[in-house]
N, C-alpha and C. Protein backbone atom coordinates (compact mmCIF):
# COMPACT_ATOMS: atom_id res chain seq x y z
N MET A 1 3.83 -24.95 17.84
CA MET A 1 4.87 -24.98 17.95
C MET A 1 5.99 -23.43 18.76
N ARG A 2 7.18 -24.58 18.69
CA ARG A 2 7.84 -23.41 18.84
C ARG A 2 8.15 -21.93 18.53
N PHE A 3 8.50 -22.35 17.66
CA PHE A 3 10.01 -21.42 16.82
C PHE A 3 9.48 -20.88 15.33
N PRO A 4 8.25 -20.82 14.60
CA PRO A 4 7.75 -21.38 13.88
C PRO A 4 8.95 -20.30 12.51
N VAL A 5 9.36 -19.54 13.32
CA VAL A 5 9.84 -17.96 12.75
C VAL A 5 10.70 -19.17 11.39
N TRP A 6 12.20 -19.75 12.84
CA TRP A 6 12.43 -20.87 12.48
C TRP A 6 12.72 -21.40 11.60
N ARG A 7 11.62 -22.06 12.27
CA ARG A 7 11.22 -24.07 11.29
C ARG A 7 10.94 -22.88 9.83
N VAL A 8 9.88 -21.67 9.33
CA VAL A 8 10.06 -21.24 8.12
C VAL A 8 11.59 -20.48 7.45
N GLY A 9 12.67 -19.51 8.09
CA GLY A 9 14.10 -19.54 7.52
C GLY A 9 14.80 -20.51 6.60
N VAL A 10 14.10 -21.74 8.07
CA VAL A 10 14.93 -23.39 7.36
C VAL A 10 14.85 -23.95 6.43
N PHE A 11 13.48 -24.31 5.96
CA PHE A 11 12.76 -24.54 4.46
C PHE A 11 13.24 -23.27 3.69
N ILE A 12 13.00 -22.44 3.74
CA ILE A 12 13.24 -22.04 2.91
C ILE A 12 14.54 -21.36 1.94
N ALA A 13 15.50 -21.63 3.17
CA ALA A 13 16.85 -22.30 2.99
C ALA A 13 17.02 -23.44 2.97
N ALA A 14 16.22 -24.28 2.47
CA ALA A 14 16.87 -25.67 1.94
C ALA A 14 15.94 -25.77 0.61
N ALA A 15 15.63 -25.54 -0.05
CA ALA A 15 14.83 -25.39 -0.78
C ALA A 15 15.70 -24.04 -1.97
N VAL A 16 15.79 -22.89 -1.39
CA VAL A 16 16.71 -21.97 -2.32
C VAL A 16 17.72 -22.37 -2.68
N TRP A 17 18.30 -22.96 -2.39
CA TRP A 17 19.92 -23.38 -2.56
C TRP A 17 20.00 -25.18 -3.50
N PRO A 18 19.59 -25.47 -4.28
CA PRO A 18 18.77 -26.25 -4.27
C PRO A 18 18.43 -26.16 -6.15
N LEU A 19 17.67 -25.07 -5.71
CA LEU A 19 17.13 -24.52 -7.21
C LEU A 19 17.79 -23.34 -7.76
N PHE A 20 19.47 -23.12 -7.53
CA PHE A 20 20.36 -22.54 -7.89
C PHE A 20 20.82 -23.49 -7.63
N TRP A 21 21.32 -24.71 -8.34
CA TRP A 21 22.81 -25.73 -7.99
C TRP A 21 22.00 -26.09 -9.51
N LEU A 22 20.85 -25.95 -9.90
CA LEU A 22 19.43 -26.41 -11.18
C LEU A 22 20.03 -25.62 -11.60
N TYR A 23 19.81 -24.78 -11.66
CA TYR A 23 20.28 -23.08 -12.65
C TYR A 23 21.47 -22.85 -12.92
N GLU A 24 22.72 -23.34 -12.39
CA GLU A 24 23.86 -23.38 -12.91
C GLU A 24 24.32 -24.84 -13.92
N ALA A 25 23.64 -25.72 -13.30
CA ALA A 25 23.29 -26.58 -14.24
C ALA A 25 23.36 -26.58 -15.60
N LEU A 26 22.02 -25.83 -15.27
CA LEU A 26 21.30 -25.30 -16.93
C LEU A 26 22.19 -24.85 -17.79
N MET A 27 22.71 -23.48 -16.93
CA MET A 27 23.62 -22.53 -17.82
C MET A 27 24.94 -23.16 -18.30
N ASN A 28 25.29 -24.46 -17.47
CA ASN A 28 26.61 -24.16 -18.25
C ASN A 28 27.90 -24.14 -17.24
N SER A 29 28.02 -24.15 -16.18
CA SER A 29 28.38 -22.69 -15.13
C SER A 29 29.34 -24.57 -14.47
N LEU A 30 28.93 -25.34 -14.44
CA LEU A 30 29.29 -26.69 -13.21
C LEU A 30 30.50 -26.77 -13.06
N GLY A 31 31.54 -26.50 -14.74
CA GLY A 31 32.65 -27.24 -15.59
C GLY A 31 32.11 -27.88 -15.87
N PRO A 32 33.26 -29.01 -16.37
CA PRO A 32 32.86 -30.08 -17.18
C PRO A 32 32.31 -31.49 -16.71
N ASP A 33 31.95 -31.74 -14.99
CA ASP A 33 31.81 -32.60 -14.27
C ASP A 33 30.60 -31.54 -13.81
N PRO A 34 29.33 -31.68 -14.37
CA PRO A 34 28.23 -31.07 -13.65
C PRO A 34 28.18 -31.97 -12.60
N GLY A 35 27.73 -33.67 -12.54
CA GLY A 35 27.25 -34.45 -11.50
C GLY A 35 28.03 -34.51 -10.17
N LYS A 36 29.16 -34.21 -10.68
CA LYS A 36 30.75 -34.09 -9.27
C LYS A 36 30.20 -33.33 -8.42
N VAL A 37 29.40 -32.56 -8.83
CA VAL A 37 29.84 -30.58 -8.02
C VAL A 37 28.38 -30.61 -7.51
N LEU A 38 27.25 -30.84 -8.34
CA LEU A 38 26.17 -31.22 -7.59
C LEU A 38 26.50 -32.08 -7.03
N VAL A 39 27.32 -32.95 -6.82
CA VAL A 39 26.61 -33.84 -5.36
C VAL A 39 27.13 -33.70 -4.06
N ASP A 40 28.85 -33.26 -4.53
CA ASP A 40 29.34 -31.77 -3.37
C ASP A 40 28.69 -31.97 -2.85
N ARG A 41 28.22 -30.31 -3.32
CA ARG A 41 27.19 -29.86 -3.27
C ARG A 41 26.30 -29.58 -2.38
N LEU A 42 25.37 -31.00 -2.56
CA LEU A 42 24.57 -31.21 -1.93
C LEU A 42 24.64 -32.63 -1.07
N GLY A 43 26.10 -32.41 -0.84
CA GLY A 43 26.32 -33.56 0.57
C GLY A 43 26.83 -31.98 1.78
N LEU A 44 27.01 -30.74 1.03
CA LEU A 44 28.09 -29.77 1.64
C LEU A 44 26.85 -29.27 2.04
N GLY A 45 25.59 -29.34 1.03
CA GLY A 45 24.49 -28.84 1.93
C GLY A 45 23.07 -28.82 2.91
N THR A 46 23.42 -30.41 3.07
CA THR A 46 23.16 -31.86 3.41
C THR A 46 23.56 -31.47 5.61
N LEU A 47 24.86 -30.78 4.95
CA LEU A 47 25.71 -31.13 6.09
C LEU A 47 25.60 -30.08 6.62
N ILE A 48 25.63 -28.79 6.08
CA ILE A 48 24.85 -27.25 6.38
C ILE A 48 23.81 -27.74 7.53
N LEU A 49 22.03 -28.00 7.01
CA LEU A 49 21.57 -27.84 6.82
C LEU A 49 20.86 -28.46 8.39
N LEU A 50 21.92 -29.58 8.78
CA LEU A 50 21.28 -30.81 9.47
C LEU A 50 21.77 -29.48 10.83
N LEU A 51 23.22 -29.68 10.85
CA LEU A 51 24.00 -28.60 11.82
C LEU A 51 22.92 -26.94 11.68
N ILE A 52 22.51 -27.01 10.88
CA ILE A 52 21.52 -25.58 11.89
C ILE A 52 20.54 -25.98 12.19
N THR A 53 19.59 -27.24 11.94
CA THR A 53 18.37 -27.75 12.84
C THR A 53 19.01 -28.53 13.93
N LEU A 54 20.74 -28.53 14.20
CA LEU A 54 20.00 -29.70 15.85
C LEU A 54 20.77 -28.36 16.38
N SER A 55 21.02 -26.91 15.94
CA SER A 55 21.75 -25.58 16.83
C SER A 55 20.48 -24.32 18.28
């Protein structure tokens, strides 16, 4: 592995945010349409993760 610490950091970042979004969905803090909010955040998170891994 060339950058093992970087890979672990990216993995942790990828795993933490969906868990936080799931917690928000369970606590009903995403508004009247939680599915739309979760899909929007998943798309944004995927874009950010892609940009981080390509940098």
